[in-house]
N, C-alpha and C. Protein backbone atom coordinates (compact mmCIF):
# COMPACT_ATOMS: atom_id res chain seq x y z
N MET A 1 -30.54 -66.91 102.66
CA MET A 1 -31.04 -65.76 101.96
C MET A 1 -30.33 -65.67 100.61
N ALA A 2 -31.09 -65.56 99.54
CA ALA A 2 -30.52 -65.51 98.20
C ALA A 2 -30.43 -64.06 97.72
N ALA A 3 -29.34 -63.77 97.05
CA ALA A 3 -29.13 -62.44 96.49
C ALA A 3 -28.55 -62.60 95.09
N ILE A 4 -28.73 -61.59 94.25
CA ILE A 4 -28.15 -61.61 92.91
C ILE A 4 -26.88 -60.79 92.93
N VAL A 5 -25.78 -61.42 92.52
CA VAL A 5 -24.46 -60.79 92.53
C VAL A 5 -24.01 -60.64 91.08
N TYR A 6 -23.49 -59.47 90.74
CA TYR A 6 -22.98 -59.21 89.39
C TYR A 6 -21.46 -59.22 89.43
N GLN A 7 -20.85 -59.94 88.50
CA GLN A 7 -19.39 -60.04 88.46
C GLN A 7 -18.93 -59.86 87.02
N LYS A 8 -17.96 -58.96 86.83
CA LYS A 8 -17.46 -58.66 85.50
C LYS A 8 -16.19 -59.45 85.23
N ASN A 9 -16.14 -60.08 84.06
CA ASN A 9 -14.96 -60.80 83.63
C ASN A 9 -13.99 -59.78 83.04
N LYS A 10 -12.82 -59.64 83.65
CA LYS A 10 -11.86 -58.62 83.21
C LYS A 10 -11.30 -58.92 81.83
N LYS A 11 -11.17 -60.20 81.52
CA LYS A 11 -10.57 -60.59 80.25
C LYS A 11 -11.49 -60.28 79.07
N THR A 12 -12.78 -60.64 79.20
CA THR A 12 -13.71 -60.47 78.09
C THR A 12 -14.59 -59.23 78.23
N GLY A 13 -14.70 -58.71 79.43
CA GLY A 13 -15.54 -57.53 79.65
C GLY A 13 -17.02 -57.85 79.79
N VAL A 14 -17.37 -59.12 79.90
CA VAL A 14 -18.77 -59.54 80.02
C VAL A 14 -19.13 -59.61 81.50
N THR A 15 -20.31 -59.09 81.83
CA THR A 15 -20.79 -59.14 83.21
C THR A 15 -21.77 -60.30 83.34
N TYR A 16 -21.55 -61.14 84.35
CA TYR A 16 -22.40 -62.29 84.62
C TYR A 16 -23.19 -62.06 85.90
N ALA A 17 -24.39 -62.64 85.95
CA ALA A 17 -25.23 -62.56 87.14
C ALA A 17 -25.24 -63.92 87.82
N TYR A 18 -25.05 -63.91 89.14
CA TYR A 18 -25.02 -65.12 89.93
C TYR A 18 -26.06 -65.05 91.04
N GLU A 19 -26.66 -66.19 91.36
CA GLU A 19 -27.52 -66.29 92.53
C GLU A 19 -26.63 -66.75 93.67
N SER A 20 -26.53 -65.93 94.71
CA SER A 20 -25.63 -66.22 95.82
C SER A 20 -26.45 -66.60 97.04
N ILE A 21 -26.14 -67.75 97.63
CA ILE A 21 -26.81 -68.23 98.83
C ILE A 21 -25.77 -68.31 99.94
N SER A 22 -25.99 -67.56 101.01
CA SER A 22 -25.04 -67.53 102.13
C SER A 22 -25.39 -68.61 103.14
N PHE A 23 -24.36 -69.20 103.74
CA PHE A 23 -24.56 -70.19 104.80
C PHE A 23 -23.39 -70.14 105.76
N TRP A 24 -23.56 -70.71 106.93
CA TRP A 24 -22.55 -70.71 107.98
C TRP A 24 -21.75 -72.00 107.91
N ASP A 25 -20.42 -71.87 107.81
CA ASP A 25 -19.52 -73.02 107.79
C ASP A 25 -19.15 -73.35 109.22
N LYS A 26 -19.61 -74.51 109.71
CA LYS A 26 -19.39 -74.88 111.11
C LYS A 26 -17.92 -75.20 111.39
N GLU A 27 -17.23 -75.78 110.42
CA GLU A 27 -15.83 -76.15 110.63
C GLU A 27 -14.93 -74.93 110.74
N LYS A 28 -15.08 -73.99 109.83
CA LYS A 28 -14.19 -72.83 109.80
C LYS A 28 -14.73 -71.65 110.58
N GLN A 29 -15.96 -71.78 111.09
CA GLN A 29 -16.58 -70.77 111.94
C GLN A 29 -16.70 -69.39 111.28
N HIS A 30 -17.06 -69.36 110.01
CA HIS A 30 -17.40 -68.10 109.36
C HIS A 30 -18.32 -68.37 108.18
N SER A 31 -18.90 -67.32 107.65
CA SER A 31 -19.91 -67.49 106.61
C SER A 31 -19.26 -67.79 105.26
N ARG A 32 -19.99 -68.54 104.46
CA ARG A 32 -19.58 -68.90 103.11
C ARG A 32 -20.72 -68.58 102.16
N ALA A 33 -20.47 -68.66 100.86
CA ALA A 33 -21.51 -68.41 99.87
C ALA A 33 -21.40 -69.43 98.74
N LYS A 34 -22.55 -69.95 98.33
CA LYS A 34 -22.61 -70.81 97.16
C LYS A 34 -23.21 -69.98 96.04
N ARG A 35 -22.58 -70.02 94.88
CA ARG A 35 -23.04 -69.22 93.75
C ARG A 35 -23.42 -70.11 92.58
N LYS A 36 -24.50 -69.70 91.91
CA LYS A 36 -24.97 -70.41 90.74
C LYS A 36 -25.18 -69.39 89.63
N CYS A 37 -24.59 -69.63 88.47
CA CYS A 37 -24.67 -68.68 87.36
C CYS A 37 -26.09 -68.67 86.78
N ILE A 38 -26.67 -67.48 86.75
CA ILE A 38 -28.01 -67.31 86.17
C ILE A 38 -27.89 -67.00 84.69
N GLY A 39 -26.98 -66.10 84.35
CA GLY A 39 -26.81 -65.73 82.95
C GLY A 39 -25.91 -64.52 82.82
N ARG A 40 -25.82 -63.98 81.62
CA ARG A 40 -24.99 -62.80 81.39
C ARG A 40 -25.89 -61.57 81.32
N VAL A 41 -25.32 -60.42 81.64
CA VAL A 41 -26.07 -59.17 81.64
C VAL A 41 -25.90 -58.50 80.28
N ASP A 42 -27.03 -58.14 79.66
CA ASP A 42 -27.01 -57.46 78.37
C ASP A 42 -26.53 -56.03 78.59
N PRO A 43 -25.45 -55.59 77.91
CA PRO A 43 -24.90 -54.25 78.17
C PRO A 43 -25.85 -53.11 77.79
N GLU A 44 -26.75 -53.31 76.85
CA GLU A 44 -27.65 -52.24 76.42
C GLU A 44 -28.88 -52.12 77.32
N THR A 45 -29.53 -53.26 77.60
CA THR A 45 -30.78 -53.21 78.37
C THR A 45 -30.58 -53.47 79.85
N GLN A 46 -29.41 -53.94 80.25
CA GLN A 46 -29.08 -54.30 81.64
C GLN A 46 -30.00 -55.41 82.18
N LYS A 47 -30.52 -56.25 81.29
CA LYS A 47 -31.34 -57.38 81.71
C LYS A 47 -30.49 -58.64 81.66
N ILE A 48 -30.88 -59.61 82.48
CA ILE A 48 -30.15 -60.87 82.55
C ILE A 48 -30.63 -61.79 81.43
N VAL A 49 -29.68 -62.20 80.58
CA VAL A 49 -29.97 -63.14 79.49
C VAL A 49 -29.47 -64.51 79.94
N PRO A 50 -30.37 -65.49 80.08
CA PRO A 50 -29.94 -66.81 80.58
C PRO A 50 -28.91 -67.45 79.64
N THR A 51 -27.90 -68.06 80.24
CA THR A 51 -26.92 -68.81 79.46
C THR A 51 -27.51 -70.17 79.15
N ARG A 52 -26.88 -70.88 78.21
CA ARG A 52 -27.43 -72.18 77.81
C ARG A 52 -27.34 -73.17 78.97
N LYS A 53 -28.29 -74.07 79.00
CA LYS A 53 -28.32 -75.11 80.03
C LYS A 53 -27.32 -76.20 79.67
N ARG A 54 -26.63 -76.67 80.66
CA ARG A 54 -25.71 -77.78 80.46
C ARG A 54 -26.51 -79.07 80.48
N LYS A 55 -26.15 -79.99 79.60
CA LYS A 55 -26.85 -81.25 79.54
C LYS A 55 -26.44 -82.10 80.74
N ALA A 56 -27.43 -82.55 81.49
CA ALA A 56 -27.16 -83.38 82.65
C ALA A 56 -26.72 -84.76 82.20
N ALA A 57 -25.76 -85.31 82.90
CA ALA A 57 -25.28 -86.64 82.57
C ALA A 57 -26.37 -87.66 82.87
N GLU A 58 -26.63 -88.52 81.90
CA GLU A 58 -27.66 -89.53 82.08
C GLU A 58 -27.10 -90.67 82.92
N VAL A 59 -27.85 -91.02 83.93
CA VAL A 59 -27.44 -92.11 84.80
C VAL A 59 -28.13 -93.37 84.30
N VAL A 60 -27.33 -94.29 83.81
CA VAL A 60 -27.86 -95.54 83.29
C VAL A 60 -27.49 -96.64 84.27
N ALA A 61 -28.51 -97.24 84.85
CA ALA A 61 -28.26 -98.33 85.79
C ALA A 61 -28.10 -99.63 85.01
N LYS A 62 -26.98 -100.28 85.21
CA LYS A 62 -26.74 -101.54 84.54
C LYS A 62 -27.50 -102.64 85.27
N ALA A 63 -28.17 -103.46 84.50
CA ALA A 63 -28.92 -104.56 85.09
C ALA A 63 -27.94 -105.64 85.52
N LYS A 64 -28.07 -106.02 86.77
CA LYS A 64 -27.18 -107.07 87.27
C LYS A 64 -27.72 -108.43 86.81
N PRO A 65 -26.82 -109.30 86.39
CA PRO A 65 -27.29 -110.62 85.98
C PRO A 65 -27.79 -111.41 87.19
N GLY A 66 -28.84 -112.13 87.00
CA GLY A 66 -29.41 -112.91 88.09
C GLY A 66 -28.59 -114.17 88.33
N PRO A 67 -28.99 -114.95 89.31
CA PRO A 67 -28.26 -116.18 89.60
C PRO A 67 -28.43 -117.19 88.47
N VAL A 68 -27.36 -117.89 88.15
CA VAL A 68 -27.38 -118.89 87.09
C VAL A 68 -27.52 -120.26 87.74
N PRO A 69 -28.56 -121.00 87.41
CA PRO A 69 -28.72 -122.31 88.05
C PRO A 69 -27.68 -123.30 87.52
N ILE A 70 -27.24 -124.17 88.40
CA ILE A 70 -26.26 -125.20 88.03
C ILE A 70 -27.03 -126.38 87.46
N THR A 71 -26.72 -126.74 86.23
CA THR A 71 -27.45 -127.83 85.57
C THR A 71 -26.70 -129.15 85.62
N ARG A 72 -25.38 -129.10 85.78
CA ARG A 72 -24.59 -130.32 85.74
C ARG A 72 -23.53 -130.27 86.82
N GLN A 73 -23.40 -131.35 87.54
CA GLN A 73 -22.34 -131.43 88.54
C GLN A 73 -21.47 -132.63 88.20
N ALA A 74 -20.17 -132.42 88.20
CA ALA A 74 -19.26 -133.51 87.90
C ALA A 74 -17.99 -133.33 88.72
N ARG A 75 -17.44 -134.43 89.14
CA ARG A 75 -16.20 -134.38 89.90
C ARG A 75 -15.29 -135.47 89.35
N SER A 76 -14.10 -135.07 88.95
CA SER A 76 -13.17 -136.02 88.34
C SER A 76 -11.83 -135.92 89.04
N PHE A 77 -11.17 -137.05 89.17
CA PHE A 77 -9.84 -137.09 89.76
C PHE A 77 -8.87 -137.58 88.70
N TYR A 78 -7.85 -136.78 88.42
CA TYR A 78 -6.83 -137.14 87.44
C TYR A 78 -5.48 -136.81 88.02
N GLY A 79 -4.48 -137.50 87.55
CA GLY A 79 -3.13 -137.24 88.01
C GLY A 79 -2.43 -136.22 87.12
N ALA A 80 -1.19 -135.96 87.46
CA ALA A 80 -0.40 -134.98 86.72
C ALA A 80 -0.11 -135.47 85.30
N THR A 81 -0.01 -136.78 85.10
CA THR A 81 0.27 -137.33 83.78
C THR A 81 -0.85 -136.99 82.81
N TYR A 82 -2.10 -137.14 83.24
CA TYR A 82 -3.23 -136.82 82.38
C TYR A 82 -3.22 -135.34 82.01
N LEU A 83 -2.88 -134.50 82.98
CA LEU A 83 -2.81 -133.06 82.73
C LEU A 83 -1.78 -132.73 81.66
N PHE A 84 -0.59 -133.31 81.79
CA PHE A 84 0.46 -133.04 80.81
C PHE A 84 0.13 -133.63 79.44
N ASP A 85 -0.57 -134.77 79.41
CA ASP A 85 -0.99 -135.34 78.13
C ASP A 85 -1.96 -134.40 77.41
N GLN A 86 -2.91 -133.85 78.14
CA GLN A 86 -3.87 -132.92 77.54
C GLN A 86 -3.18 -131.65 77.06
N LEU A 87 -2.27 -131.11 77.85
CA LEU A 87 -1.54 -129.91 77.45
C LEU A 87 -0.70 -130.17 76.20
N GLY A 88 -0.06 -131.34 76.16
CA GLY A 88 0.75 -131.69 75.00
C GLY A 88 -0.08 -131.80 73.74
N GLU A 89 -1.30 -132.35 73.84
CA GLU A 89 -2.16 -132.47 72.66
C GLU A 89 -2.65 -131.10 72.20
N GLU A 90 -2.99 -130.22 73.14
CA GLU A 90 -3.48 -128.89 72.76
C GLU A 90 -2.38 -128.05 72.12
N VAL A 91 -1.18 -128.13 72.66
CA VAL A 91 -0.08 -127.32 72.14
C VAL A 91 0.52 -127.95 70.89
N GLY A 92 0.47 -129.28 70.79
CA GLY A 92 1.02 -129.95 69.62
C GLY A 92 2.41 -130.52 69.86
N VAL A 93 2.80 -130.64 71.10
CA VAL A 93 4.14 -131.14 71.42
C VAL A 93 4.17 -132.67 71.37
N THR A 94 3.03 -133.32 71.53
CA THR A 94 2.99 -134.79 71.60
C THR A 94 3.50 -135.41 70.30
N GLU A 95 3.06 -134.89 69.16
CA GLU A 95 3.52 -135.44 67.87
C GLU A 95 5.02 -135.25 67.69
N ASP A 96 5.52 -134.07 68.11
CA ASP A 96 6.96 -133.80 67.97
C ASP A 96 7.77 -134.76 68.84
N LEU A 97 7.31 -135.02 70.05
CA LEU A 97 8.04 -135.92 70.94
C LEU A 97 8.00 -137.36 70.42
N LYS A 98 6.86 -137.77 69.84
CA LYS A 98 6.76 -139.13 69.30
C LYS A 98 7.67 -139.31 68.09
N SER A 99 7.84 -138.23 67.30
CA SER A 99 8.74 -138.34 66.15
C SER A 99 10.20 -138.34 66.59
N CYS A 100 10.53 -137.65 67.66
CA CYS A 100 11.92 -137.61 68.15
C CYS A 100 12.28 -138.88 68.92
N PHE A 101 11.33 -139.38 69.70
CA PHE A 101 11.56 -140.58 70.51
C PHE A 101 10.55 -141.65 70.11
N PRO A 102 10.92 -142.51 69.12
CA PRO A 102 9.97 -143.53 68.63
C PRO A 102 9.72 -144.63 69.61
């Protein structure tokens, strides 16, 4: 059952109108109420003036990338020496070692 509840803000003195929906809380075994703000009450006419609507957050679903087909398959076996040779060339240590140890 919905009812309109009026609540005055003590700090600002503005009266707001809420739509109150009562329901039974099974866990705590007593009634509860959900309230939704309808708007503020005009002090002169006592009519409810709707407050501005909040912009709803847009839900953007990201497209998942599809499966990528494998175009090339290769299998290579190399030892630790080849690995260190490649690392030395990329870092630039090979030239320094050759100049130090001719």
